[in-house]
């Protein structure tokens, strides 16, 4: 795919973001109608979210719900955590149910990876984890290395906070109620 084609969709979105508020909708819709955007799910989801925000702010809440739902599903599938939170906040503002069907960040991991992550979060070394699970320290290291990107972290020191946040989220899900408009 050449650069000219690749750049057409973000430009449409940017036009919508930079346009006078009353003129933004056609730019967002044109960007979403561009078939090239189908190859770029993250950019499509960003544009859907921008359109939904624009619609909701003009009290067109019912129209905002479909793009919000699609954007949130895409961000979840891609693991784009900051964008998931932004889409969830906008969804709540539109009265949508944003209960996360898998609030546990560890749900994306295999059972063995989950065990390793939990033990590492408690402060155990790779050797200690390996002894508990009958694995080599190198295998433990490999599982941790593959798990960090799935969890959106970059350092072992972030594991304890992640586990605490995950447990807190599991016990405190937000459920919004869809309201008509």
C-alpha atoms as a PDB file:
ATOM      1  CA  UNK A   1       0.000   0.000   0.000  1.00  0.00           C
ATOM      2  CA  UNK A   2       1.620   3.289  -1.025  1.00  0.00           C
ATOM      3  CA  UNK A   3       2.059   6.280   1.279  1.00  0.00           C
ATOM      4  CA  UNK A   4      -0.454   8.451  -0.587  1.00  0.00           C
ATOM      5  CA  UNK A   5      -3.236   5.953   0.060  1.00  0.00           C
ATOM      6  CA  UNK A   6      -2.099   5.429   3.662  1.00  0.00           C
ATOM      7  CA  UNK A   7      -2.183   9.153   4.409  1.00  0.00           C
ATOM      8  CA  UNK A   8      -5.679   9.817   3.046  1.00  0.00           C
ATOM      9  CA  UNK A   9      -7.618   8.524   6.069  1.00  0.00           C
ATOM     10  CA  UNK A  10      -5.769  10.360   8.862  1.00  0.00           C
ATOM     11  CA  UNK A  11      -6.085  13.533   6.807  1.00  0.00           C
ATOM     12  CA  UNK A  12      -9.877  13.136   6.678  1.00  0.00           C
ATOM     13  CA  UNK A  13      -9.964  12.580  10.420  1.00  0.00           C
ATOM     14  CA  UNK A  14      -7.683  15.567  11.001  1.00  0.00           C
ATOM     15  CA  UNK A  15      -9.970  17.745   8.887  1.00  0.00           C
ATOM     16  CA  UNK A  16     -12.857  16.711  11.111  1.00  0.00           C
ATOM     17  CA  UNK A  17     -10.886  17.504  14.251  1.00  0.00           C
ATOM     18  CA  UNK A  18      -9.736  20.886  12.947  1.00  0.00           C
ATOM     19  CA  UNK A  19     -12.978  21.975  11.274  1.00  0.00           C
ATOM     20  CA  UNK A  20     -15.435  24.361  12.838  1.00  0.00           C
ATOM     21  CA  UNK A  21     -17.641  22.218  15.071  1.00  0.00           C
ATOM     22  CA  UNK A  22     -20.686  22.618  12.836  1.00  0.00           C
ATOM     23  CA  UNK A  23     -18.676  21.447   9.783  1.00  0.00           C
ATOM     24  CA  UNK A  24     -16.845  18.423  11.252  1.00  0.00           C
ATOM     25  CA  UNK A  25     -19.329  15.599  10.633  1.00  0.00           C
ATOM     26  CA  UNK A  26     -18.875  15.311   6.841  1.00  0.00           C
ATOM     27  CA  UNK A  27     -15.107  15.016   7.290  1.00  0.00           C
ATOM     28  CA  UNK A  28     -15.430  12.187   9.831  1.00  0.00           C
ATOM     29  CA  UNK A  29     -17.990  10.390   7.657  1.00  0.00           C
ATOM     30  CA  UNK A  30     -15.828  10.781   4.534  1.00  0.00           C
ATOM     31  CA  UNK A  31     -12.824   9.348   6.367  1.00  0.00           C
ATOM     32  CA  UNK A  32     -14.908   6.378   7.560  1.00  0.00           C
ATOM     33  CA  UNK A  33     -16.287   5.804   4.052  1.00  0.00           C
ATOM     34  CA  UNK A  34     -12.768   5.476   2.632  1.00  0.00           C
ATOM     35  CA  UNK A  35     -12.239   1.717   2.036  1.00  0.00           C
ATOM     36  CA  UNK A  36      -8.527   2.096   2.803  1.00  0.00           C
ATOM     37  CA  UNK A  37      -9.426   2.658   6.452  1.00  0.00           C
ATOM     38  CA  UNK A  38     -10.612  -0.966   6.667  1.00  0.00           C
ATOM     39  CA  UNK A  39      -6.921  -1.976   6.584  1.00  0.00           C
ATOM     40  CA  UNK A  40      -6.103   0.257   9.557  1.00  0.00           C
ATOM     41  CA  UNK A  41      -8.366  -0.786  12.457  1.00  0.00           C
ATOM     42  CA  UNK A  42      -6.734   1.481  15.035  1.00  0.00           C
ATOM     43  CA  UNK A  43      -7.131   4.593  12.878  1.00  0.00           C
ATOM     44  CA  UNK A  44     -10.695   3.560  12.014  1.00  0.00           C
ATOM     45  CA  UNK A  45     -11.516   3.166  15.706  1.00  0.00           C
ATOM     46  CA  UNK A  46     -10.011   6.587  16.476  1.00  0.00           C
ATOM     47  CA  UNK A  47     -12.157   8.148  13.765  1.00  0.00           C
ATOM     48  CA  UNK A  48     -15.263   6.331  15.021  1.00  0.00           C
ATOM     49  CA  UNK A  49     -14.570   7.612  18.526  1.00  0.00           C
ATOM     50  CA  UNK A  50     -14.085  11.174  17.264  1.00  0.00           C
ATOM     51  CA  UNK A  51     -17.364  10.996  15.334  1.00  0.00           C
ATOM     52  CA  UNK A  52     -19.185   9.554  18.344  1.00  0.00           C
ATOM     53  CA  UNK A  53     -17.836  12.294  20.623  1.00  0.00           C
ATOM     54  CA  UNK A  54     -18.928  14.902  18.104  1.00  0.00           C
ATOM     55  CA  UNK A  55     -22.423  13.382  17.864  1.00  0.00           C
ATOM     56  CA  UNK A  56     -22.857  13.061  21.618  1.00  0.00           C
ATOM     57  CA  UNK A  57     -21.814  16.648  22.217  1.00  0.00           C
ATOM     58  CA  UNK A  58     -24.574  17.700  19.849  1.00  0.00           C
ATOM     59  CA  UNK A  59     -27.058  15.616  21.845  1.00  0.00           C
ATOM     60  CA  UNK A  60     -27.347  13.023  19.078  1.00  0.00           C
ATOM     61  CA  UNK A  61     -26.710  10.304  21.623  1.00  0.00           C
ATOM     62  CA  UNK A  62     -28.623   7.512  19.878  1.00  0.00           C
ATOM     63  CA  UNK A  63     -26.520   8.052  16.735  1.00  0.00           C
ATOM     64  CA  UNK A  64     -23.294   8.049  18.767  1.00  0.00           C
ATOM     65  CA  UNK A  65     -23.840   4.607  20.274  1.00  0.00           C
ATOM     66  CA  UNK A  66     -23.018   2.437  17.232  1.00  0.00           C
ATOM     67  CA  UNK A  67     -19.667   4.116  16.471  1.00  0.00           C
ATOM     68  CA  UNK A  68     -18.822   4.122  20.190  1.00  0.00           C
ATOM     69  CA  UNK A  69     -19.516   0.418  20.492  1.00  0.00           C
ATOM     70  CA  UNK A  70     -17.458  -0.433  17.407  1.00  0.00           C
ATOM     71  CA  UNK A  71     -14.566   1.784  18.516  1.00  0.00           C
ATOM     72  CA  UNK A  72     -14.499   0.273  22.009  1.00  0.00           C
ATOM     73  CA  UNK A  73     -14.580  -3.289  20.642  1.00  0.00           C
ATOM     74  CA  UNK A  74     -11.700  -2.515  18.280  1.00  0.00           C
ATOM     75  CA  UNK A  75      -9.578  -0.874  20.983  1.00  0.00           C
ATOM     76  CA  UNK A  76     -10.183  -3.885  23.246  1.00  0.00           C
ATOM     77  CA  UNK A  77      -9.223  -6.310  20.483  1.00  0.00           C
ATOM     78  CA  UNK A  78      -6.033  -4.332  19.824  1.00  0.00           C
ATOM     79  CA  UNK A  79      -5.223  -3.965  23.516  1.00  0.00           C
ATOM     80  CA  UNK A  80      -5.010  -0.159  23.239  1.00  0.00           C
ATOM     81  CA  UNK A  81      -5.500   0.523  26.950  1.00  0.00           C
ATOM     82  CA  UNK A  82      -5.507   4.360  26.995  1.00  0.00           C
ATOM     83  CA  UNK A  83      -7.952   4.376  24.096  1.00  0.00           C
ATOM     84  CA  UNK A  84     -10.124   1.754  25.795  1.00  0.00           C
ATOM     85  CA  UNK A  85     -10.437   4.058  28.800  1.00  0.00           C
ATOM     86  CA  UNK A  86     -11.267   7.050  26.621  1.00  0.00           C
ATOM     87  CA  UNK A  87     -13.911   5.060  24.711  1.00  0.00           C
ATOM     88  CA  UNK A  88     -15.351   3.680  27.955  1.00  0.00           C
ATOM     89  CA  UNK A  89     -15.663   7.195  29.416  1.00  0.00           C
ATOM     90  CA  UNK A  90     -17.397   8.421  26.284  1.00  0.00           C
ATOM     91  CA  UNK A  91     -19.651   5.348  26.269  1.00  0.00           C
ATOM     92  CA  UNK A  92     -20.675   5.981  29.870  1.00  0.00           C
ATOM     93  CA  UNK A  93     -21.454   9.593  28.966  1.00  0.00           C
ATOM     94  CA  UNK A  94     -23.711   8.256  26.194  1.00  0.00           C
ATOM     95  CA  UNK A  95     -25.489   5.973  28.669  1.00  0.00           C
ATOM     96  CA  UNK A  96     -24.039   2.704  27.372  1.00  0.00           C
ATOM     97  CA  UNK A  97     -23.317  -0.357  29.494  1.00  0.00           C
ATOM     98  CA  UNK A  98     -19.533  -0.545  29.665  1.00  0.00           C
ATOM     99  CA  UNK A  99     -19.221  -3.627  31.818  1.00  0.00           C
ATOM    100  CA  UNK A 100     -16.059  -5.302  30.677  1.00  0.00           C
ATOM    101  CA  UNK A 101     -16.822  -8.944  29.999  1.00  0.00           C
ATOM    102  CA  UNK A 102     -13.210  -9.758  30.934  1.00  0.00           C
ATOM    103  CA  UNK A 103     -12.143  -7.141  33.465  1.00  0.00           C
ATOM    104  CA  UNK A 104      -9.158  -9.231  34.465  1.00  0.00           C
ATOM    105  CA  UNK A 105      -6.106  -8.085  32.517  1.00  0.00           C
ATOM    106  CA  UNK A 106      -4.695 -11.564  33.056  1.00  0.00           C
ATOM    107  CA  UNK A 107      -7.523 -13.161  31.073  1.00  0.00           C
ATOM    108  CA  UNK A 108      -5.491 -12.731  27.872  1.00  0.00           C
ATOM    109  CA  UNK A 109      -2.746 -14.978  29.258  1.00  0.00           C
ATOM    110  CA  UNK A 110      -2.488 -18.747  29.355  1.00  0.00           C
ATOM    111  CA  UNK A 111      -3.071 -20.377  32.758  1.00  0.00           C
ATOM    112  CA  UNK A 112       0.667 -20.996  33.128  1.00  0.00           C
ATOM    113  CA  UNK A 113       1.497 -17.388  32.260  1.00  0.00           C
ATOM    114  CA  UNK A 114      -1.080 -16.236  34.828  1.00  0.00           C
ATOM    115  CA  UNK A 115       0.577 -18.358  37.533  1.00  0.00           C
ATOM    116  CA  UNK A 116       4.004 -17.004  36.653  1.00  0.00           C
ATOM    117  CA  UNK A 117       2.792 -13.387  36.627  1.00  0.00           C
ATOM    118  CA  UNK A 118       1.110 -13.764  40.015  1.00  0.00           C
ATOM    119  CA  UNK A 119       4.226 -15.309  41.565  1.00  0.00           C
ATOM    120  CA  UNK A 120       6.489 -12.662  40.038  1.00  0.00           C
ATOM    121  CA  UNK A 121       4.165  -9.954  41.393  1.00  0.00           C
ATOM    122  CA  UNK A 122       4.674 -11.416  44.878  1.00  0.00           C
ATOM    123  CA  UNK A 123       8.409 -10.813  44.456  1.00  0.00           C
ATOM    124  CA  UNK A 124       9.650 -14.307  43.634  1.00  0.00           C
ATOM    125  CA  UNK A 125      12.702 -14.625  41.393  1.00  0.00           C
ATOM    126  CA  UNK A 126      12.625 -16.584  38.142  1.00  0.00           C
ATOM    127  CA  UNK A 127      14.515 -19.393  39.871  1.00  0.00           C
ATOM    128  CA  UNK A 128      11.988 -19.514  42.762  1.00  0.00           C
ATOM    129  CA  UNK A 129       9.050 -19.465  40.350  1.00  0.00           C
ATOM    130  CA  UNK A 130      10.677 -22.229  38.322  1.00  0.00           C
ATOM    131  CA  UNK A 131      11.141 -24.385  41.413  1.00  0.00           C
ATOM    132  CA  UNK A 132       7.485 -23.960  42.411  1.00  0.00           C
ATOM    133  CA  UNK A 133       6.173 -24.756  38.917  1.00  0.00           C
ATOM    134  CA  UNK A 134       8.853 -27.258  37.849  1.00  0.00           C
ATOM    135  CA  UNK A 135      10.126 -24.991  35.068  1.00  0.00           C
ATOM    136  CA  UNK A 136      13.570 -23.727  34.185  1.00  0.00           C
ATOM    137  CA  UNK A 137      14.351 -20.090  35.022  1.00  0.00           C
ATOM    138  CA  UNK A 138      14.787 -19.487  31.296  1.00  0.00           C
ATOM    139  CA  UNK A 139      11.247 -20.757  30.589  1.00  0.00           C
ATOM    140  CA  UNK A 140       9.905 -18.486  33.329  1.00  0.00           C
ATOM    141  CA  UNK A 141      11.784 -15.567  31.789  1.00  0.00           C
ATOM    142  CA  UNK A 142      10.355 -16.380  28.363  1.00  0.00           C
ATOM    143  CA  UNK A 143       6.790 -16.435  29.716  1.00  0.00           C
ATOM    144  CA  UNK A 144       7.310 -13.093  31.450  1.00  0.00           C
ATOM    145  CA  UNK A 145       8.814 -11.589  28.294  1.00  0.00           C
ATOM    146  CA  UNK A 146       5.788 -12.671  26.225  1.00  0.00           C
ATOM    147  CA  UNK A 147       3.280 -11.604  28.891  1.00  0.00           C
ATOM    148  CA  UNK A 148       4.419  -8.031  29.477  1.00  0.00           C
ATOM    149  CA  UNK A 149       3.210  -6.617  26.117  1.00  0.00           C
ATOM    150  CA  UNK A 150      -0.159  -8.339  26.557  1.00  0.00           C
ATOM    151  CA  UNK A 151      -0.495  -6.658  29.940  1.00  0.00           C
ATOM    152  CA  UNK A 152       0.678  -3.257  28.732  1.00  0.00           C
ATOM    153  CA  UNK A 153       3.678  -3.147  31.049  1.00  0.00           C
ATOM    154  CA  UNK A 154       7.410  -2.930  30.457  1.00  0.00           C
ATOM    155  CA  UNK A 155       8.960  -3.803  33.814  1.00  0.00           C
ATOM    156  CA  UNK A 156       8.634  -6.464  36.461  1.00  0.00           C
ATOM    157  CA  UNK A 157       8.200  -3.726  39.067  1.00  0.00           C
ATOM    158  CA  UNK A 158       4.821  -2.860  37.498  1.00  0.00           C
ATOM    159  CA  UNK A 159       3.380  -6.320  38.171  1.00  0.00           C
ATOM    160  CA  UNK A 160       2.267  -5.717  41.765  1.00  0.00           C
ATOM    161  CA  UNK A 161       0.267  -2.601  40.802  1.00  0.00           C
ATOM    162  CA  UNK A 162      -1.225  -4.426  37.837  1.00  0.00           C
ATOM    163  CA  UNK A 163      -2.385  -7.340  39.990  1.00  0.00           C
ATOM    164  CA  UNK A 164      -3.851  -4.978  42.610  1.00  0.00           C
ATOM    165  CA  UNK A 165      -5.646  -2.939  39.913  1.00  0.00           C
ATOM    166  CA  UNK A 166      -6.970  -6.109  38.285  1.00  0.00           C
ATOM    167  CA  UNK A 167      -8.382  -7.378  41.566  1.00  0.00           C
ATOM    168  CA  UNK A 168      -9.924  -3.984  42.298  1.00  0.00           C
ATOM    169  CA  UNK A 169     -11.514  -3.829  38.833  1.00  0.00           C
ATOM    170  CA  UNK A 170     -12.934  -7.320  39.145  1.00  0.00           C
ATOM    171  CA  UNK A 171     -14.697  -6.308  42.338  1.00  0.00           C
ATOM    172  CA  UNK A 172     -15.809  -2.889  41.124  1.00  0.00           C
ATOM    173  CA  UNK A 173     -17.255  -3.080  37.595  1.00  0.00           C
ATOM    174  CA  UNK A 174     -19.069  -0.062  36.260  1.00  0.00           C
ATOM    175  CA  UNK A 175     -22.447  -0.726  34.734  1.00  0.00           C
ATOM    176  CA  UNK A 176     -24.158   2.094  32.901  1.00  0.00           C
ATOM    177  CA  UNK A 177     -27.751   2.055  31.832  1.00  0.00           C
ATOM    178  CA  UNK A 178     -28.687   2.756  28.236  1.00  0.00           C
ATOM    179  CA  UNK A 179     -31.128   5.613  28.006  1.00  0.00           C
ATOM    180  CA  UNK A 180     -33.046   6.733  24.971  1.00  0.00           C
ATOM    181  CA  UNK A 181     -32.633  10.143  23.439  1.00  0.00           C
END
